[in-house]
């Protein structure tokens, strides 16, 4: 199945390439999306990436400032309790 038309691939070869690195450390050889520096697989596709304003971090409040402070206070209280128990047991 030979083709009689001439292949003009110069524009494809001259297009800018994705700036991402692959897992083995080499450069990604895919062409970058028009107007972007990454290919469609590395973040150049439309509507890709995390939502604006980091809405993912506000799903359950587990990492809110108050929740983290409460866990630290509970951990400190437990540490003091363990220290007291060790002190009482060593005194017997």
N, C-alpha and C. Protein backbone atom coordinates (compact mmCIF):
# COMPACT_ATOMS: atom_id res chain seq x y z
N UNK A 1 0.84 -1.17 0.00
CA UNK A 1 0.00 0.00 0.00
C UNK A 1 0.88 1.23 0.00
N UNK A 2 1.38 1.56 -1.13
CA UNK A 2 2.21 2.76 -1.23
C UNK A 2 1.32 3.94 -1.60
N UNK A 3 1.74 5.09 -1.13
CA UNK A 3 0.98 6.31 -1.38
C UNK A 3 1.72 7.16 -2.39
N UNK A 4 0.97 7.81 -3.26
CA UNK A 4 1.61 8.60 -4.30
C UNK A 4 1.81 10.07 -3.88
N UNK A 5 1.22 10.48 -2.76
CA UNK A 5 1.38 11.88 -2.36
C UNK A 5 2.62 12.04 -1.47
N UNK A 6 3.19 13.21 -1.54
CA UNK A 6 4.38 13.49 -0.75
C UNK A 6 3.98 13.84 0.68
N UNK A 7 4.70 13.28 1.62
CA UNK A 7 4.41 13.56 3.03
C UNK A 7 5.18 14.79 3.47
N UNK A 8 4.46 15.75 4.01
CA UNK A 8 5.08 16.97 4.50
C UNK A 8 4.93 16.99 6.01
N UNK A 9 5.92 16.47 6.73
CA UNK A 9 5.86 16.38 8.18
C UNK A 9 6.77 17.41 8.84
N UNK A 10 7.26 18.36 8.09
CA UNK A 10 8.18 19.36 8.65
C UNK A 10 7.51 20.18 9.74
N UNK A 11 6.25 20.55 9.55
CA UNK A 11 5.55 21.36 10.55
C UNK A 11 5.35 20.56 11.84
N UNK A 12 5.06 19.28 11.73
CA UNK A 12 4.88 18.46 12.92
C UNK A 12 6.19 18.30 13.68
N UNK A 13 7.26 18.10 12.96
CA UNK A 13 8.56 17.93 13.62
C UNK A 13 9.07 19.22 14.23
N UNK A 14 8.67 20.37 13.67
CA UNK A 14 9.14 21.66 14.16
C UNK A 14 8.28 22.21 15.29
N UNK A 15 7.17 21.55 15.61
CA UNK A 15 6.29 22.07 16.65
C UNK A 15 6.97 21.97 18.02
N UNK A 16 6.64 22.90 18.93
CA UNK A 16 7.27 22.86 20.26
C UNK A 16 6.89 21.58 21.00
N UNK A 17 7.81 21.08 21.79
CA UNK A 17 7.60 19.84 22.52
C UNK A 17 7.23 20.10 23.96
N UNK A 18 6.63 19.12 24.58
CA UNK A 18 6.23 19.21 25.98
C UNK A 18 7.47 19.37 26.85
N UNK A 19 7.37 20.19 27.89
CA UNK A 19 8.51 20.42 28.77
C UNK A 19 8.57 19.48 29.96
N UNK A 20 7.69 18.49 30.03
CA UNK A 20 7.65 17.58 31.17
C UNK A 20 8.74 16.53 31.06
N UNK A 21 9.06 15.93 32.19
CA UNK A 21 10.02 14.84 32.26
C UNK A 21 9.28 13.53 32.50
N UNK A 22 9.75 12.47 31.89
CA UNK A 22 9.14 11.16 32.09
C UNK A 22 9.71 10.53 33.35
N UNK A 23 9.19 9.38 33.72
CA UNK A 23 9.63 8.72 34.95
C UNK A 23 11.09 8.30 34.88
N UNK A 24 11.57 7.99 33.70
CA UNK A 24 12.98 7.60 33.59
C UNK A 24 13.91 8.80 33.46
N UNK A 25 13.38 10.01 33.52
CA UNK A 25 14.21 11.22 33.50
C UNK A 25 14.36 11.86 32.14
N UNK A 26 13.89 11.20 31.09
CA UNK A 26 13.99 11.76 29.75
C UNK A 26 12.89 12.79 29.50
N UNK A 27 13.02 13.50 28.42
CA UNK A 27 12.03 14.51 28.07
C UNK A 27 10.84 13.87 27.37
N UNK A 28 9.66 14.42 27.60
CA UNK A 28 8.46 13.96 26.89
C UNK A 28 8.58 14.41 25.44
N UNK A 29 8.32 13.51 24.52
CA UNK A 29 8.49 13.83 23.10
C UNK A 29 7.20 14.25 22.41
N UNK A 30 6.11 14.30 23.17
CA UNK A 30 4.82 14.66 22.57
C UNK A 30 4.77 16.16 22.27
N UNK A 31 4.04 16.56 21.24
CA UNK A 31 3.93 17.98 20.95
C UNK A 31 3.10 18.71 22.00
N UNK A 32 3.49 19.92 22.32
CA UNK A 32 2.76 20.73 23.30
C UNK A 32 1.45 21.21 22.70
N UNK A 33 0.45 21.39 23.56
CA UNK A 33 -0.84 21.93 23.14
C UNK A 33 -0.62 23.37 22.69
N UNK A 34 -1.35 23.80 21.68
CA UNK A 34 -1.18 25.14 21.13
C UNK A 34 -1.37 26.20 22.22
N UNK A 35 -0.36 27.03 22.41
CA UNK A 35 -0.41 28.10 23.39
C UNK A 35 0.00 27.69 24.79
N UNK A 36 0.41 26.43 24.98
CA UNK A 36 0.82 25.95 26.30
C UNK A 36 2.19 25.29 26.20
N UNK A 37 2.78 24.98 27.35
CA UNK A 37 4.11 24.37 27.35
C UNK A 37 4.07 22.89 27.63
N UNK A 38 2.88 22.32 27.83
CA UNK A 38 2.74 20.90 28.13
C UNK A 38 1.84 20.22 27.10
N UNK A 39 2.03 18.91 26.95
CA UNK A 39 1.19 18.13 26.05
C UNK A 39 -0.13 17.83 26.75
N UNK A 40 -1.05 17.19 26.06
CA UNK A 40 -2.37 16.91 26.63
C UNK A 40 -2.28 15.92 27.78
N UNK A 41 -1.23 15.10 27.82
CA UNK A 41 -1.10 14.11 28.89
C UNK A 41 -0.43 14.68 30.14
N UNK A 42 0.24 15.80 30.01
CA UNK A 42 0.96 16.38 31.15
C UNK A 42 0.38 17.71 31.60
N UNK A 43 -0.88 17.97 31.33
CA UNK A 43 -1.52 19.15 31.87
C UNK A 43 -1.85 20.24 30.88
N UNK A 44 -1.70 19.99 29.61
CA UNK A 44 -2.02 21.02 28.64
C UNK A 44 -3.45 20.99 28.15
N UNK A 45 -4.18 19.93 28.49
CA UNK A 45 -5.55 19.80 28.02
C UNK A 45 -6.46 20.82 28.70
N UNK A 46 -7.55 21.14 28.06
CA UNK A 46 -8.49 22.11 28.62
C UNK A 46 -9.16 21.55 29.87
N UNK A 47 -9.41 22.39 30.83
CA UNK A 47 -10.09 22.05 32.08
C UNK A 47 -9.39 20.94 32.85
N UNK A 48 -8.07 20.89 32.80
CA UNK A 48 -7.37 19.87 33.56
C UNK A 48 -6.74 20.50 34.80
N UNK A 49 -6.42 19.70 35.77
CA UNK A 49 -5.79 20.17 36.99
C UNK A 49 -6.80 20.34 38.12
N UNK A 50 -6.30 20.79 39.23
CA UNK A 50 -7.14 20.96 40.42
C UNK A 50 -8.07 22.16 40.24
N UNK A 51 -9.21 22.16 40.92
CA UNK A 51 -10.10 23.31 40.83
C UNK A 51 -9.48 24.56 41.43
N UNK A 52 -9.94 25.70 41.00
CA UNK A 52 -9.43 26.97 41.51
C UNK A 52 -9.79 27.13 42.98
N UNK A 53 -8.90 27.74 43.73
CA UNK A 53 -9.19 28.03 45.12
C UNK A 53 -9.01 26.85 46.05
N UNK A 54 -8.42 25.77 45.59
CA UNK A 54 -8.14 24.59 46.41
C UNK A 54 -9.39 24.09 47.11
N UNK A 55 -10.46 23.88 46.35
CA UNK A 55 -11.70 23.37 46.92
C UNK A 55 -11.55 21.94 47.43
N UNK A 56 -10.52 21.21 46.94
CA UNK A 56 -10.32 19.84 47.38
C UNK A 56 -9.97 19.77 48.86
N UNK A 57 -9.34 20.79 49.41
CA UNK A 57 -8.90 20.76 50.79
C UNK A 57 -10.03 21.02 51.77
N UNK A 58 -11.20 21.41 51.29
CA UNK A 58 -12.29 21.78 52.18
C UNK A 58 -13.42 20.78 52.16
N UNK A 59 -13.14 19.50 51.98
CA UNK A 59 -14.21 18.53 51.90
C UNK A 59 -14.72 18.11 53.27
N UNK A 60 -13.83 17.83 54.22
CA UNK A 60 -14.30 17.35 55.50
C UNK A 60 -13.75 18.13 56.69
N UNK A 61 -12.84 19.04 56.49
CA UNK A 61 -12.33 19.86 57.57
C UNK A 61 -11.28 19.17 58.43
N UNK A 62 -10.81 18.02 58.00
CA UNK A 62 -9.84 17.27 58.79
C UNK A 62 -8.54 18.04 58.97
N UNK A 63 -8.18 18.84 58.00
CA UNK A 63 -6.92 19.57 58.07
C UNK A 63 -7.13 21.07 58.28
N UNK A 64 -8.29 21.44 58.80
CA UNK A 64 -8.51 22.84 59.11
C UNK A 64 -7.65 23.22 60.31
N UNK A 65 -7.41 24.49 60.50
CA UNK A 65 -6.54 24.96 61.58
C UNK A 65 -7.06 24.51 62.95
N UNK A 66 -8.38 24.57 63.14
CA UNK A 66 -8.96 24.18 64.42
C UNK A 66 -8.80 22.68 64.68
N UNK A 67 -9.03 21.87 63.65
CA UNK A 67 -8.94 20.42 63.83
C UNK A 67 -7.50 20.00 64.13
N UNK A 68 -6.53 20.60 63.45
CA UNK A 68 -5.13 20.28 63.70
C UNK A 68 -4.74 20.70 65.12
N UNK A 69 -5.18 21.87 65.56
CA UNK A 69 -4.88 22.34 66.92
C UNK A 69 -5.51 21.41 67.96
N UNK A 70 -6.72 20.94 67.70
CA UNK A 70 -7.38 20.03 68.64
C UNK A 70 -6.63 18.71 68.73
N UNK A 71 -6.19 18.17 67.61
CA UNK A 71 -5.43 16.91 67.64
C UNK A 71 -4.11 17.08 68.37
N UNK A 72 -3.46 18.21 68.18
CA UNK A 72 -2.20 18.46 68.90
C UNK A 72 -2.44 18.54 70.41
N UNK A 73 -3.52 19.19 70.82
CA UNK A 73 -3.84 19.30 72.24
C UNK A 73 -4.14 17.93 72.84
N UNK A 74 -4.88 17.11 72.12
CA UNK A 74 -5.20 15.76 72.61
C UNK A 74 -3.93 14.93 72.71
N UNK A 75 -3.06 15.04 71.71
CA UNK A 75 -1.79 14.30 71.73
C UNK A 75 -0.92 14.74 72.91
N UNK A 76 -0.88 16.03 73.19
CA UNK A 76 -0.11 16.54 74.33
C UNK A 76 -0.69 16.03 75.64
N UNK A 77 -2.01 16.02 75.75
CA UNK A 77 -2.67 15.52 76.95
C UNK A 77 -2.39 14.03 77.15
N UNK A 78 -2.42 13.26 76.07
CA UNK A 78 -2.11 11.84 76.17
C UNK A 78 -0.66 11.62 76.59
N UNK A 79 0.24 12.44 76.06
CA UNK A 79 1.64 12.34 76.46
C UNK A 79 1.83 12.61 77.94
N UNK A 80 1.16 13.62 78.44
CA UNK A 80 1.24 13.93 79.88
C UNK A 80 0.65 12.79 80.71
N UNK A 81 -0.43 12.18 80.22
CA UNK A 81 -1.06 11.07 80.93
C UNK A 81 -0.11 9.87 80.99
N UNK A 82 0.54 9.56 79.87
CA UNK A 82 1.49 8.44 79.86
C UNK A 82 2.66 8.72 80.80
N UNK A 83 3.15 9.95 80.81
CA UNK A 83 4.24 10.31 81.72
C UNK A 83 3.81 10.13 83.18
N UNK A 84 2.60 10.55 83.52
CA UNK A 84 2.09 10.39 84.87
C UNK A 84 1.96 8.94 85.25
N UNK A 85 1.46 8.12 84.33
CA UNK A 85 1.32 6.68 84.60
C UNK A 85 2.68 6.02 84.81
N UNK A 86 3.66 6.38 84.00
CA UNK A 86 5.02 5.84 84.18
C UNK A 86 5.58 6.25 85.53
N UNK A 87 5.35 7.48 85.90
CA UNK A 87 5.84 7.99 87.18
C UNK A 87 5.18 7.25 88.35
N UNK A 88 3.88 7.00 88.25
CA UNK A 88 3.17 6.27 89.30
C UNK A 88 3.62 4.81 89.38
N UNK A 89 3.86 4.19 88.26
CA UNK A 89 4.29 2.78 88.24
C UNK A 89 5.73 2.63 88.74
N UNK A 90 6.58 3.58 88.45
CA UNK A 90 7.97 3.48 88.91
C UNK A 90 8.09 3.79 90.40
N UNK A 91 7.14 4.45 90.98
CA UNK A 91 7.16 4.81 92.40
C UNK A 91 6.72 3.66 93.29
N UNK A 92 6.15 2.59 92.74
CA UNK A 92 5.65 1.50 93.57
C UNK A 92 6.73 0.63 94.12
